[in-house]
Amino acid sequence: MAEKYKVLELLRKTFKILAFVSGGLGIVFFIIILIAGGTPETPRATSLLALALGVIYFISFYTISEVLLLFSDIEENTRKTKELLERK
């Protein structure tokens, strides 16, 4: 990525890290609730909700990260195409 998009690269890495953290936390909470759950306040079925939310957040954050990469690739390819057309 070009040096002028340092913040975009930082955001992309941040969203990718958030994706893996949220996915990991979803799995951890799934296991914790599944093992320690079972009380009337937190039934064991709640563990499935924790897992589902972890997966949803993982997919959302990872998608945002990849879309930011896509935008930077589009910009780079557009710039290259413009330079090729200007040479002719």
Protein backbone atom coordinates (compact mmCIF):
# COMPACT_ATOMS: atom_id res chain seq x y z
CA MET A 1 0.00 0.00 0.00
CA ALA A 2 1.17 3.50 -0.71
CA GLU A 3 2.67 5.54 2.08
CA LYS A 4 -0.13 8.06 1.83
CA TYR A 5 -2.59 5.47 3.17
CA LYS A 6 -0.94 4.71 6.50
CA VAL A 7 -4.16 5.26 8.46
CA LEU A 8 -6.08 2.98 6.12
CA GLU A 9 -3.50 0.24 6.66
CA LEU A 10 -3.70 0.78 10.42
CA LEU A 11 -7.51 0.53 10.32
CA ARG A 12 -7.32 -2.63 8.23
CA LYS A 13 -4.96 -4.29 10.69
CA THR A 14 -7.07 -3.10 13.63
CA PHE A 15 -10.24 -4.60 12.18
CA LYS A 16 -8.44 -7.86 11.45
CA ILE A 17 -7.21 -8.01 15.06
CA LEU A 18 -10.71 -7.18 16.32
CA ALA A 19 -12.08 -10.00 14.17
CA PHE A 20 -9.85 -12.62 15.75
CA VAL A 21 -10.30 -11.23 19.28
CA SER A 22 -14.09 -11.22 18.98
CA GLY A 23 -14.12 -14.70 17.46
CA GLY A 24 -11.87 -16.00 20.22
CA LEU A 25 -13.93 -14.35 22.94
CA GLY A 26 -17.08 -15.84 21.44
CA ILE A 27 -15.57 -19.31 21.70
CA VAL A 28 -14.27 -18.66 25.24
CA PHE A 29 -17.64 -17.38 26.44
CA PHE A 30 -19.36 -20.30 24.73
CA ILE A 31 -17.22 -22.74 26.71
CA ILE A 32 -17.54 -20.81 29.99
CA ILE A 33 -21.31 -20.52 29.78
CA LEU A 34 -21.65 -24.12 28.64
CA ILE A 35 -19.60 -25.42 31.57
CA ALA A 36 -20.65 -22.98 34.30
CA GLY A 37 -24.15 -22.18 33.03
CA GLY A 38 -27.32 -23.94 33.84
CA THR A 39 -28.70 -21.53 36.40
CA PRO A 40 -32.10 -19.92 35.84
CA GLU A 41 -30.36 -16.59 35.16
CA THR A 42 -28.05 -18.02 32.50
CA PRO A 43 -29.37 -21.16 30.84
CA ARG A 44 -26.93 -23.25 28.84
CA ALA A 45 -28.69 -22.29 25.63
CA THR A 46 -27.21 -18.82 26.14
CA SER A 47 -23.83 -20.34 25.23
CA LEU A 48 -25.07 -20.76 21.66
CA LEU A 49 -25.90 -17.06 21.56
CA ALA A 50 -22.36 -16.20 22.69
CA LEU A 51 -20.93 -18.45 19.98
CA ALA A 52 -23.23 -17.00 17.32
CA LEU A 53 -22.35 -13.43 18.28
CA GLY A 54 -18.64 -14.26 18.21
CA VAL A 55 -18.99 -15.68 14.70
CA ILE A 56 -21.08 -12.73 13.52
CA TYR A 57 -18.58 -10.19 14.88
CA PHE A 58 -15.67 -12.16 13.42
CA ILE A 59 -17.27 -12.20 9.96
CA SER A 60 -18.22 -8.51 10.18
CA PHE A 61 -14.81 -7.23 11.28
CA TYR A 62 -12.94 -9.47 8.86
CA THR A 63 -15.16 -8.32 6.00
CA ILE A 64 -14.51 -4.67 6.85
CA SER A 65 -10.78 -5.39 6.84
CA GLU A 66 -10.96 -7.06 3.43
CA VAL A 67 -13.13 -4.28 1.96
CA LEU A 68 -10.52 -1.72 3.03
CA LEU A 69 -7.88 -3.82 1.27
CA LEU A 70 -10.12 -4.01 -1.80
CA PHE A 71 -10.47 -0.22 -1.90
CA SER A 72 -6.71 0.26 -1.74
CA ASP A 73 -6.21 -2.34 -4.50
CA ILE A 74 -8.79 -0.58 -6.68
CA GLU A 75 -7.01 2.74 -6.16
CA GLU A 76 -3.64 1.22 -7.02
CA ASN A 77 -4.92 -0.47 -10.17
CA THR A 78 -6.73 2.70 -11.23
CA ARG A 79 -3.53 4.69 -10.84
CA LYS A 80 -1.57 2.13 -12.88
CA THR A 81 -4.20 2.16 -15.62
CA LYS A 82 -4.10 5.96 -15.75
CA GLU A 83 -0.30 5.90 -16.07
CA LEU A 84 -0.50 3.35 -18.90
CA LEU A 85 -3.07 5.41 -20.76
CA GLU A 86 -1.02 8.58 -20.38
CA ARG A 87 2.00 6.89 -22.00
CA LYS A 88 0.10 6.21 -25.22
